[in-house]
Amino acid sequence: MAFSSNAQRSNNNNTNNADWKAQGFLNFYLPNRKGERTKLGAIPLKDGKNNEKLLREWIEKDIDAAVAVLMKNIVIEYRSATPSDDSAFALPG
């Protein structure tokens, strides 16, 4: 009887299942001190998620026009990952 660990089974499943792969990316850049741009991050667009697939298909119809529309409509918000005391559960006792 052959031994197969959970990690081995998981790796085999990931090899056969490409759902985790993105079909496109929204890349974000900021200017750097050399007058060039440095990548800040990216958002993967996966066809397995309906809204992301719709967005990717819409962008790919006319990339320049779509990027212009996104730039006019995007909202950027910063949220700290550090929890505050006010966000703690109000437990009795």
Protein backbone atom coordinates (compact mmCIF):
# COMPACT_ATOMS: atom_id res chain seq x y z
CA MET A 1 0.00 0.00 0.00
CA ALA A 2 1.48 3.33 -1.04
CA PHE A 3 1.54 6.27 1.31
CA SER A 4 0.09 9.55 0.04
CA SER A 5 0.17 12.61 2.25
CA ASN A 6 -2.43 15.38 2.23
CA ALA A 7 0.22 17.70 0.78
CA GLN A 8 0.88 15.32 -2.10
CA ARG A 9 -2.84 15.00 -2.87
CA SER A 10 -3.26 18.77 -2.64
CA ASN A 11 -0.35 19.36 -5.02
CA ASN A 12 -1.78 16.84 -7.49
CA ASN A 13 -5.18 18.53 -7.35
CA ASN A 14 -3.63 21.96 -7.94
CA THR A 15 -1.74 20.63 -10.95
CA ASN A 16 -4.94 19.35 -12.51
CA ASN A 17 -7.13 22.30 -11.46
CA ALA A 18 -6.29 25.64 -13.10
CA ASP A 19 -9.07 27.60 -11.36
CA TRP A 20 -6.46 29.44 -9.30
CA LYS A 21 -4.85 30.88 -12.44
CA ALA A 22 -5.73 34.38 -13.58
CA GLN A 23 -6.61 35.12 -17.20
CA GLY A 24 -5.56 38.76 -16.87
CA PHE A 25 -4.26 41.32 -14.38
CA LEU A 26 -4.93 44.93 -13.47
CA ASN A 27 -1.45 46.25 -12.63
CA PHE A 28 -0.89 49.36 -10.51
CA TYR A 29 2.22 51.54 -10.68
CA LEU A 30 3.53 54.66 -8.98
CA PRO A 31 6.21 57.01 -10.30
CA ASN A 32 9.65 56.49 -8.79
CA ARG A 33 12.49 58.92 -8.16
CA LYS A 34 14.15 58.09 -11.48
CA GLY A 35 11.09 59.31 -13.36
CA GLU A 36 10.08 55.77 -14.21
CA ARG A 37 7.38 53.64 -12.65
CA THR A 38 7.49 50.99 -9.95
CA LYS A 39 4.83 48.35 -9.65
CA LEU A 40 2.70 48.75 -6.55
CA GLY A 41 0.59 45.64 -6.98
CA ALA A 42 -1.84 43.74 -9.15
CA ILE A 43 -5.36 42.40 -9.08
CA PRO A 44 -5.77 39.04 -10.78
CA LEU A 45 -8.87 38.62 -12.95
CA LYS A 46 -10.08 35.03 -12.95
CA ASP A 47 -12.68 33.63 -15.30
CA GLY A 48 -13.92 31.42 -12.46
CA LYS A 49 -15.40 34.56 -10.85
CA ASN A 50 -18.18 35.94 -13.00
CA ASN A 51 -17.65 39.66 -12.28
CA GLU A 52 -13.92 39.38 -12.90
CA LYS A 53 -14.54 37.55 -16.18
CA LEU A 54 -17.03 40.23 -17.29
CA LEU A 55 -14.54 42.97 -16.39
CA ARG A 56 -11.68 41.25 -18.22
CA GLU A 57 -13.76 40.72 -21.36
CA TRP A 58 -14.95 44.34 -21.26
CA ILE A 59 -11.37 45.62 -20.88
CA GLU A 60 -10.05 43.44 -23.71
CA LYS A 61 -12.60 44.83 -26.19
CA ASP A 62 -10.84 48.22 -26.08
CA ILE A 63 -8.05 48.36 -23.52
CA ASP A 64 -7.23 52.07 -23.81
CA ALA A 65 -10.88 53.18 -23.55
CA ALA A 66 -11.55 50.77 -20.69
CA VAL A 67 -8.53 51.95 -18.71
CA ALA A 68 -9.69 55.57 -19.16
CA VAL A 69 -13.15 54.68 -17.84
CA LEU A 70 -11.65 52.77 -14.91
CA MET A 71 -9.40 55.72 -14.04
CA LYS A 72 -12.41 58.07 -13.93
CA ASN A 73 -14.48 55.73 -11.78
CA ILE A 74 -12.07 53.92 -9.49
CA VAL A 75 -12.26 54.57 -5.76
CA ILE A 76 -9.15 53.88 -3.71
CA GLU A 77 -9.48 53.42 0.00
CA TYR A 78 -6.85 52.61 2.60
CA ARG A 79 -7.63 50.40 5.56
CA SER A 80 -5.11 49.51 8.20
CA ALA A 81 -4.77 45.83 9.03
CA THR A 82 -4.01 46.72 12.65
CA PRO A 83 -7.11 46.11 14.75
CA SER A 84 -8.24 48.91 17.03
CA ASP A 85 -9.56 48.46 20.57
CA ASP A 86 -12.95 49.70 19.36
CA SER A 87 -13.23 46.80 16.92
CA ALA A 88 -12.90 44.15 19.64
CA PHE A 89 -15.95 42.04 20.49
CA ALA A 90 -18.16 43.46 23.23
CA LEU A 91 -18.38 40.30 25.29
CA PRO A 92 -20.46 40.18 28.48
CA GLY A 93 -18.74 39.81 31.80
